Amino acid sequence: MVALQIHFLLVPSLMSIVGAAQSVMQDAALLSYMDQRFLALEKRLEKCNEDVLGYVEEFRELSRTVLSRLAGLSTAKAEVRRDVENLLARMEHAQRDIDYLGSVADSNACVEVHEDLLEQQLLEEAEEKKRLKLMLNASCDHVLAGIRSLKVVKKTGGKHGSWLKDPGKKHAKIYLLSGSVNNGILEFANITTFMENNQTLKARRVPLPSPWQGTGHVVYQGFLFYHRHGSLNEIVKFNIQRRSVADQMLLPGAGRVPAYQLSPQTKIDLAVDEQGLWALHAEPETGGNIVVTKINHAPLAVEHSWDTPCSSRGAEAAFMACHTLHVVYNSPSGGSSRIQCVYDVLGALNAQINPGVHFPKRQGGHSTVHYNPKEKQLFAWGDGSQILYKLHTEQK
C-alpha cells in the first residue's frame, strides 16, 4: 500500500522532468536554427559587401581610365593645334620665298642660266621695287642722324609699359598702357593732364575685351593694335571710341621667340611711321634675326615681309622711321642704349651695322621705343619713366 502511494507521487514528478527536457531540446533546436539563419545572413551580407567593394574599385578604375583618356585627348588636341599653327607659319614663310623663285630644278641637275632669263629676273625685281615704292608711298627724303635730347615727362608705373600718342589723329590725347599684361588702357586729354600728380584721377579708363601681351602696342587712326595675351600671334584691332573689336589677324611666323632678347615679354612689336602700320618680330628660321612686316591697317592684312640682317640678340627695342628699321641695343645690366643696326626695306641704305647713333647719356634700359611720325619724336618707356627723345635728321 505504501509502495502504491509512492508510485502515484513519483509519476507526476517524472512527467514534469520529461516535459522540461523536451522544452529544453525544443529551445536548443530553435537556437540552432536561428544560429544557422544568422550565419547564412552574415555570409550573404559579407558577399554583398565584397560585391559593393568590387563595384567601387571597378568604378574607380574606370574613372581613372576615362580621366587619363580625356587628359590624353586634351594634350593631343593642344599638340595638334600647335603643329597646325607651326605648319601654317612655315607655309606662309615658304610662300614668301616661292614668290621669288622662277623655276625649280632637280638637285642633281645642272642648270644653265641664260641671258634672257637673267634679264627677265632683273625686270621682275625692278617691277617689284616699283610696286613696293608705290605701296609705301615712298616720300621720305630724310634719315636719322642722331638723337638730340631727352625729356623725362613722368615717372609712373613699373618696369614695363607703353605710352602713346595717335599720329593719325589731330587730337592731343595720351594713352598709357602699364605692365606687360593688362586688360585696360588710360586715356588722357593731353600731355599736360598726363603730367599732373593726380593724373590717374583725370584719366578715362577703357576696358578691353581681352588683355594684351608684351609692350609692342600702338594707337593709330583711332584704333589700338595689340598682341592678344594667350595667343601665339593674334593681333587685335580695337576701336577705342566705340570700345569694340574691329578686326583680328594672325601674323605668320611670329610669336615663337621674343622680338628682342632683352625684352622677352614682347613677342610682337607693332610700329607706326610715315607709311603706316608695321610689325616686328624674330623667327627661329632666320637665326633670331628680326623680320619686318608691312600691314595694311584698314583690312588688317599682310602686304609684304622682309628678313633683315639685324639680330635680336642684345636688342631691347626697335622702331620704324621712313620705312627704315632702327634696332636699339643695350647690355643685360642696363647700360647706354645705342642704335646698332639700320635696315631700309627699299634698299636705299641697305643694312648699316653700328651706324654710331647713341642715346643721350642715361643709364638703364628701355621697355619700348615708339616713333611718332607726326612729331618726329620717340616715345620711350625706361625703367618706369616716360621719356621723349627729339631726333636729328638729315637729307638723304
Protein backbone atom coordinates (compact mmCIF):
# COMPACT_ATOMS: atom_id res chain seq x y z
CA MET A 1 0.00 0.00 0.00
CA VAL A 2 2.83 2.32 0.81
CA ALA A 3 4.57 1.43 -2.45
CA LEU A 4 1.49 2.29 -4.39
CA GLN A 5 1.36 5.70 -2.78
CA ILE A 6 4.98 6.35 -3.63
CA HIS A 7 4.27 5.37 -7.24
CA PHE A 8 1.47 7.89 -7.51
CA LEU A 9 3.74 10.57 -6.10
CA LEU A 10 6.67 9.84 -8.49
CA VAL A 11 4.65 9.76 -11.73
CA PRO A 12 3.79 13.49 -11.81
CA SER A 13 7.35 14.37 -10.94
CA LEU A 14 8.76 12.25 -13.73
CA MET A 15 6.26 13.64 -16.17
CA SER A 16 7.32 17.15 -15.17
CA ILE A 17 11.00 16.33 -15.70
CA VAL A 18 10.31 14.79 -19.11
CA GLY A 19 8.31 17.83 -20.15
CA ALA A 20 11.09 20.13 -19.04
CA ALA A 21 13.63 18.09 -21.01
CA GLN A 22 11.51 18.21 -24.12
CA SER A 23 11.17 22.01 -23.74
CA VAL A 24 14.95 22.39 -23.41
CA MET A 25 15.51 20.28 -26.52
CA GLN A 26 13.00 22.36 -28.45
CA ASP A 27 14.70 25.60 -27.33
CA ALA A 28 18.09 24.21 -28.33
CA ALA A 29 16.76 23.24 -31.74
CA LEU A 30 15.25 26.72 -32.16
CA LEU A 31 18.53 28.35 -31.14
CA SER A 32 20.45 26.14 -33.56
CA TYR A 33 18.05 27.05 -36.35
CA MET A 34 18.31 30.75 -35.60
CA ASP A 35 22.12 30.48 -35.43
CA GLN A 36 22.22 28.85 -38.85
CA ARG A 37 19.93 31.52 -40.29
CA PHE A 38 22.11 34.29 -38.83
CA LEU A 39 25.21 32.62 -40.24
CA ALA A 40 23.56 32.48 -43.66
CA LEU A 41 22.57 36.15 -43.40
CA GLU A 42 26.07 37.13 -42.31
CA LYS A 43 27.56 35.27 -45.29
CA ARG A 44 25.13 36.97 -47.65
CA LEU A 45 25.92 40.37 -46.10
CA GLU A 46 29.66 39.67 -46.37
CA LYS A 47 29.28 38.68 -50.02
CA CYS A 48 27.17 41.79 -50.65
CA ASN A 49 29.86 43.94 -49.01
CA GLU A 50 32.53 42.28 -51.13
CA ASP A 51 30.45 42.89 -54.25
CA VAL A 52 29.98 46.58 -53.33
CA LEU A 53 33.73 46.99 -52.72
CA GLY A 54 34.36 45.31 -56.06
CA TYR A 55 31.94 47.66 -57.81
CA VAL A 56 33.56 50.68 -56.13
CA GLU A 57 37.03 49.58 -57.20
CA GLU A 58 35.79 48.86 -60.72
CA PHE A 59 34.23 52.34 -60.89
CA ARG A 60 37.41 53.96 -59.64
CA GLU A 61 39.47 52.10 -62.21
CA LEU A 62 37.03 53.14 -64.95
CA SER A 63 37.14 56.75 -63.70
CA ARG A 64 40.96 56.74 -63.77
CA THR A 65 40.94 55.31 -67.28
CA VAL A 66 38.40 57.88 -68.54
CA LEU A 67 40.25 60.81 -66.95
CA SER A 68 43.53 59.55 -68.39
CA ARG A 69 41.98 59.24 -71.85
CA LEU A 70 40.44 62.73 -71.57
CA ALA A 71 43.77 64.21 -70.47
CA GLY A 72 45.45 62.47 -73.38
CA LEU A 73 42.85 63.84 -75.77
CA SER A 74 43.32 67.37 -74.37
CA THR A 75 47.11 67.12 -74.70
CA ALA A 76 46.82 65.68 -78.18
CA LYS A 77 44.41 68.46 -79.16
CA ALA A 78 46.83 71.12 -77.92
CA GLU A 79 49.75 69.43 -79.69
CA VAL A 80 47.79 69.14 -82.92
CA ARG A 81 46.81 72.82 -82.67
CA ARG A 82 50.44 73.84 -82.11
CA ASP A 83 51.56 71.64 -85.00
CA VAL A 84 48.92 73.15 -87.28
CA GLU A 85 49.87 76.72 -86.31
CA ASN A 86 53.55 75.91 -86.80
CA LEU A 87 52.82 74.31 -90.18
CA LEU A 88 50.77 77.33 -91.28
CA ALA A 89 53.56 79.66 -90.22
CA ARG A 90 56.14 77.61 -92.13
CA MET A 91 53.91 77.51 -95.19
CA GLU A 92 53.47 81.29 -95.10
CA HIS A 93 57.21 81.77 -94.72
CA ALA A 94 57.92 79.35 -97.56
CA GLN A 95 55.34 81.10 -99.75
CA ARG A 96 57.30 84.35 -99.49
CA ASP A 97 60.40 82.55 -100.76
CA ILE A 98 58.50 80.76 -103.51
CA ASP A 99 57.35 84.11 -104.91
CA TYR A 100 60.93 84.88 -105.84
CA LEU A 101 61.69 81.52 -107.45
CA GLY A 102 61.43 81.40 -111.23
CA SER A 103 61.81 77.67 -111.57
CA VAL A 104 62.54 74.55 -109.59
CA ALA A 105 65.20 72.10 -110.74
CA ASP A 106 66.32 68.69 -109.53
CA SER A 107 69.18 68.89 -107.05
CA ASN A 108 71.34 66.65 -109.22
CA ALA A 109 70.68 68.61 -112.41
CA CYS A 110 72.97 71.25 -113.80
CA VAL A 111 71.00 74.38 -114.62
CA GLU A 112 72.33 76.85 -117.13
CA VAL A 113 71.10 80.41 -116.60
CA HIS A 114 70.63 82.14 -119.95
CA GLU A 115 70.89 85.83 -120.57
CA ASP A 116 67.20 86.15 -121.35
CA LEU A 117 66.32 84.52 -118.02
CA LEU A 118 68.63 86.92 -116.15
CA GLU A 119 67.07 89.83 -117.99
CA GLN A 120 63.59 88.61 -117.06
CA GLN A 121 64.60 88.30 -113.40
CA LEU A 122 66.03 91.83 -113.41
CA LEU A 123 62.80 93.15 -114.91
CA GLU A 124 60.75 91.34 -112.28
CA GLU A 125 62.93 92.76 -109.50
CA ALA A 126 62.57 96.25 -110.91
CA GLU A 127 58.80 95.84 -111.09
CA GLU A 128 58.78 94.57 -107.53
CA LYS A 129 60.71 97.64 -106.35
CA LYS A 130 58.31 99.94 -108.18
CA ARG A 131 55.37 98.15 -106.61
CA LEU A 132 56.87 98.46 -103.15
CA LYS A 133 57.61 102.16 -103.60
CA LEU A 134 54.02 102.76 -104.68
CA MET A 135 52.74 100.67 -101.82
CA LEU A 136 54.82 102.54 -99.26
CA ASN A 137 54.24 105.92 -100.90
CA ALA A 138 57.98 106.48 -100.54
CA SER A 139 58.09 110.23 -99.93
CA CYS A 140 60.67 110.14 -97.13
CA ASP A 141 63.70 112.23 -98.02
CA HIS A 142 65.47 112.22 -94.66
CA VAL A 143 67.43 109.78 -92.49
CA LEU A 144 68.10 109.63 -88.77
CA ALA A 145 71.43 111.27 -87.96
CA GLY A 146 71.26 111.37 -84.19
CA ILE A 147 69.23 111.91 -81.03
CA ARG A 148 69.39 115.48 -79.78
CA SER A 149 67.95 115.40 -76.29
CA LEU A 150 65.72 113.62 -73.85
CA LYS A 151 62.96 114.77 -71.53
CA VAL A 152 61.61 112.67 -68.69
CA VAL A 153 57.93 113.57 -68.85
CA LYS A 154 56.68 111.43 -65.99
CA LYS A 155 57.63 108.50 -63.78
CA THR A 156 54.66 106.23 -63.24
CA GLY A 157 54.13 102.50 -63.46
CA GLY A 158 56.53 99.58 -63.27
CA LYS A 159 59.48 98.42 -65.35
CA HIS A 160 57.37 97.52 -68.40
CA GLY A 161 54.79 99.58 -70.25
CA SER A 162 54.00 101.92 -73.14
CA TRP A 163 52.75 105.46 -73.52
CA LEU A 164 51.44 106.52 -76.90
CA LYS A 165 50.01 109.31 -79.00
CA ASP A 166 47.94 108.75 -82.13
CA PRO A 167 49.88 110.19 -85.12
CA GLY A 168 46.87 109.62 -87.37
CA LYS A 169 44.55 111.95 -85.43
CA LYS A 170 44.59 115.70 -84.76
CA HIS A 171 43.74 115.39 -81.08
CA ALA A 172 46.41 115.60 -78.36
CA LYS A 173 45.29 112.58 -76.33
CA ILE A 174 47.86 110.49 -74.49
CA TYR A 175 47.39 106.76 -73.87
CA LEU A 176 49.04 104.85 -71.02
CA LEU A 177 49.36 101.05 -71.03
CA SER A 178 51.09 99.92 -67.84
CA GLY A 179 52.62 96.47 -67.46
CA SER A 180 53.28 93.62 -69.87
CA VAL A 181 49.83 92.01 -69.33
CA ASN A 182 46.71 94.08 -68.68
CA ASN A 183 43.14 94.45 -69.90
CA GLY A 184 42.62 98.22 -69.82
CA ILE A 185 44.17 101.47 -71.05
CA LEU A 186 44.13 105.00 -69.61
CA GLU A 187 43.25 107.92 -71.90
CA PHE A 188 44.31 111.50 -71.01
CA ALA A 189 43.04 114.67 -72.67
CA ASN A 190 46.59 115.95 -73.34
CA ILE A 191 50.16 115.69 -72.10
CA THR A 192 49.60 118.45 -69.51
CA THR A 193 46.88 116.39 -67.85
CA PHE A 194 49.10 113.33 -68.04
CA MET A 195 51.96 115.14 -66.25
CA GLU A 196 49.84 116.20 -63.27
CA ASN A 197 50.40 114.40 -59.98
CA ASN A 198 46.81 113.18 -59.75
CA GLN A 199 46.74 112.21 -63.42
CA THR A 200 45.08 108.82 -62.87
CA LEU A 201 42.00 110.55 -61.40
CA LYS A 202 41.52 112.57 -64.59
CA ALA A 203 42.07 109.66 -66.96
CA ARG A 204 39.33 107.76 -68.78
CA ARG A 205 39.80 104.01 -68.34
CA VAL A 206 38.93 102.00 -71.43
CA PRO A 207 38.45 98.25 -70.73
CA LEU A 208 39.49 95.71 -73.36
CA PRO A 209 37.63 92.50 -74.23
CA SER A 210 40.91 90.57 -73.94
CA PRO A 211 44.25 91.51 -72.33
CA TRP A 212 47.40 92.41 -74.22
CA GLN A 213 50.78 90.70 -74.09
CA GLY A 214 54.15 92.46 -74.07
CA THR A 215 54.62 96.18 -74.71
CA GLY A 216 54.54 96.36 -78.50
CA HIS A 217 51.15 98.04 -78.96
CA VAL A 218 50.37 101.16 -80.99
CA VAL A 219 47.48 103.62 -81.36
CA TYR A 220 46.78 104.62 -84.96
CA GLN A 221 43.77 106.23 -86.69
CA GLY A 222 41.68 105.87 -83.55
CA PHE A 223 42.42 102.16 -83.09
CA LEU A 224 44.55 100.30 -80.59
CA PHE A 225 46.56 97.48 -82.18
CA TYR A 226 47.93 94.87 -79.76
CA HIS A 227 49.13 91.27 -79.42
CA ARG A 228 46.40 89.31 -77.59
CA HIS A 229 47.57 87.63 -74.41
CA GLY A 230 47.36 83.83 -74.53
CA SER A 231 47.63 83.64 -78.32
CA LEU A 232 50.67 82.75 -80.40
CA ASN A 233 50.44 85.54 -82.96
CA GLU A 234 46.98 87.12 -82.94
CA ILE A 235 46.82 90.89 -83.48
CA VAL A 236 43.66 92.69 -82.33
CA LYS A 237 42.35 95.95 -83.82
CA PHE A 238 40.29 97.70 -81.14
CA ASN A 239 38.11 100.78 -81.72
CA ILE A 240 38.86 102.99 -78.72
CA GLN A 241 35.87 105.30 -79.15
CA ARG A 242 33.29 102.53 -79.67
CA ARG A 243 35.02 100.15 -77.27
CA SER A 244 34.69 97.20 -79.60
CA VAL A 245 36.91 94.87 -81.61
CA ALA A 246 37.05 95.99 -85.24
CA ASP A 247 39.20 93.19 -86.67
CA GLN A 248 41.72 90.44 -85.90
CA MET A 249 44.53 88.70 -87.78
CA LEU A 250 47.28 86.10 -87.37
CA LEU A 251 50.85 87.22 -88.12
CA PRO A 252 52.60 84.29 -89.89
CA GLY A 253 55.83 83.09 -88.28
CA ALA A 254 55.58 85.35 -85.23
CA GLY A 255 55.19 84.64 -81.54
CA ARG A 256 57.53 81.69 -81.07
CA VAL A 257 60.54 83.65 -79.79
CA PRO A 258 60.89 87.15 -78.30
CA ALA A 259 61.30 90.03 -80.72
CA TYR A 260 64.23 91.29 -78.61
CA GLN A 261 66.45 89.27 -76.29
CA LEU A 262 66.50 91.95 -73.58
CA SER A 263 62.70 92.38 -73.66
CA PRO A 264 61.48 88.76 -73.56
CA GLN A 265 57.92 89.78 -72.64
CA THR A 266 57.40 91.22 -76.16
CA LYS A 267 56.92 88.62 -78.91
CA ILE A 268 55.40 91.02 -81.49
CA ASP A 269 56.32 94.70 -81.60
CA LEU A 270 53.97 96.90 -83.62
CA ALA A 271 55.21 100.20 -85.04
CA VAL A 272 53.93 103.23 -86.98
CA ASP A 273 55.85 105.53 -89.32
CA GLU A 274 55.12 107.79 -92.30
CA GLN A 275 53.91 104.76 -94.30
CA GLY A 276 51.55 103.34 -91.69
CA LEU A 277 51.47 100.16 -89.62
CA TRP A 278 54.32 97.63 -89.27
CA ALA A 279 55.04 94.51 -87.22
CA LEU A 280 58.49 93.50 -85.95
CA HIS A 281 59.32 90.03 -84.69
CA ALA A 282 62.02 87.34 -84.75
CA GLU A 283 61.88 83.81 -86.15
CA PRO A 284 63.96 80.68 -85.42
CA GLU A 285 64.29 80.11 -89.18
CA THR A 286 66.12 83.44 -89.58
CA GLY A 287 68.61 82.60 -86.84
CA GLY A 288 66.92 85.03 -84.48
CA ASN A 289 67.17 87.95 -86.88
CA ILE A 290 64.33 90.47 -86.93
CA VAL A 291 61.60 90.20 -89.58
CA VAL A 292 59.81 93.35 -90.76
CA THR A 293 56.21 93.04 -92.00
CA LYS A 294 54.15 95.82 -93.59
CA ILE A 295 50.49 95.62 -92.54
CA ASN A 296 47.55 97.33 -94.20
CA HIS A 297 45.76 98.66 -91.14
CA ALA A 298 42.35 99.09 -92.84
CA PRO A 299 41.59 95.43 -93.71
CA LEU A 300 44.31 94.29 -91.25
CA ALA A 301 46.24 92.19 -93.76
CA VAL A 302 49.90 91.49 -94.51
CA GLU A 303 51.26 93.34 -97.54
CA HIS A 304 54.91 92.25 -97.58
CA SER A 305 57.69 90.91 -95.31
CA TRP A 306 61.46 91.34 -95.24
CA ASP A 307 64.09 89.20 -93.48
CA THR A 308 66.67 91.63 -92.09
CA PRO A 309 70.29 91.06 -91.01
CA CYS A 310 69.57 92.81 -87.70
CA SER A 311 69.94 90.37 -84.81
CA SER A 312 67.53 90.21 -81.88
CA ARG A 313 70.40 89.17 -79.59
CA GLY A 314 71.40 92.05 -77.35
CA ALA A 315 68.45 94.12 -78.61
CA GLU A 316 65.99 95.79 -76.22
CA ALA A 317 63.67 97.61 -78.65
CA ALA A 318 63.27 98.84 -82.24
CA PHE A 319 61.23 101.33 -84.25
CA MET A 320 60.37 102.15 -87.86
CA ALA A 321 61.01 105.61 -89.33
CA CYS A 322 60.68 106.35 -93.04
CA HIS A 323 60.32 102.63 -93.96
CA THR A 324 63.63 102.00 -92.16
CA LEU A 325 64.17 99.67 -89.21
CA HIS A 326 66.25 101.03 -86.31
CA VAL A 327 67.25 98.43 -83.70
CA VAL A 328 68.22 99.61 -80.20
CA TYR A 329 70.84 97.53 -78.35
CA ASN A 330 71.99 97.54 -74.74
CA SER A 331 73.65 95.35 -72.12
CA PRO A 332 71.70 92.93 -69.91
CA SER A 333 72.51 95.03 -66.84
CA GLY A 334 71.13 98.18 -68.50
CA GLY A 335 73.88 100.45 -69.77
CA SER A 336 73.88 103.08 -72.50
CA SER A 337 71.37 102.42 -75.31
CA ARG A 338 72.54 102.72 -78.92
CA ILE A 339 71.18 102.11 -82.41
CA GLN A 340 73.45 99.43 -83.81
CA CYS A 341 71.60 98.18 -86.89
CA VAL A 342 69.63 100.13 -89.54
CA TYR A 343 67.78 98.46 -92.42
CA ASP A 344 65.89 100.26 -95.20
CA VAL A 345 63.30 97.88 -96.66
CA LEU A 346 63.53 99.64 -100.05
CA GLY A 347 67.26 99.05 -100.20
CA ALA A 348 68.26 102.71 -100.46
CA LEU A 349 70.59 102.43 -97.48
CA ASN A 350 70.94 98.66 -97.37
CA ALA A 351 71.93 97.45 -93.92
CA GLN A 352 74.15 99.58 -91.72
CA ILE A 353 75.81 97.84 -88.80
CA ASN A 354 76.80 100.16 -85.94
CA PRO A 355 75.87 103.48 -87.58
CA GLY A 356 77.07 105.34 -84.48
CA VAL A 357 73.74 106.66 -83.17
CA HIS A 358 73.74 106.80 -79.36
CA PHE A 359 71.00 107.84 -76.97
CA PRO A 360 71.75 110.75 -74.64
CA LYS A 361 73.63 109.71 -71.52
CA ARG A 362 71.22 107.81 -69.36
CA GLN A 363 71.94 104.52 -67.67
CA GLY A 364 69.19 101.93 -67.81
CA GLY A 365 67.13 100.05 -70.36
CA HIS A 366 64.02 100.61 -72.46
CA SER A 367 60.88 98.53 -72.36
CA THR A 368 59.59 100.25 -75.54
CA VAL A 369 60.74 102.84 -78.06
CA HIS A 370 58.00 104.08 -80.43
CA TYR A 371 58.42 106.60 -83.23
CA ASN A 372 55.78 109.28 -83.74
CA PRO A 373 55.98 110.39 -87.40
CA LYS A 374 53.78 113.42 -86.79
CA GLU A 375 56.02 114.95 -84.11
CA LYS A 376 59.32 113.35 -85.22
CA GLN A 377 59.94 112.17 -81.67
CA LEU A 378 60.47 108.88 -79.85
CA PHE A 379 58.05 107.94 -77.09
CA ALA A 380 60.03 105.62 -74.80
CA TRP A 381 59.42 103.78 -71.54
CA GLY A 382 62.56 103.31 -69.45
CA ASP A 383 62.50 101.70 -66.00
CA GLY A 384 59.09 103.18 -65.16
CA SER A 385 59.82 106.61 -66.69
CA GLN A 386 58.02 108.06 -69.71
CA ILE A 387 60.63 109.72 -71.91
CA LEU A 388 60.60 111.88 -75.05
CA TYR A 389 63.60 111.83 -77.41
CA LYS A 390 63.97 114.55 -80.05
CA LEU A 391 65.53 113.35 -83.32
CA HIS A 392 68.12 114.95 -85.56
CA THR A 393 67.59 114.08 -89.24
CA GLU A 394 69.47 114.81 -92.46
CA GLN A 395 68.58 114.77 -96.15
CA LYS A 396 69.26 111.51 -97.97
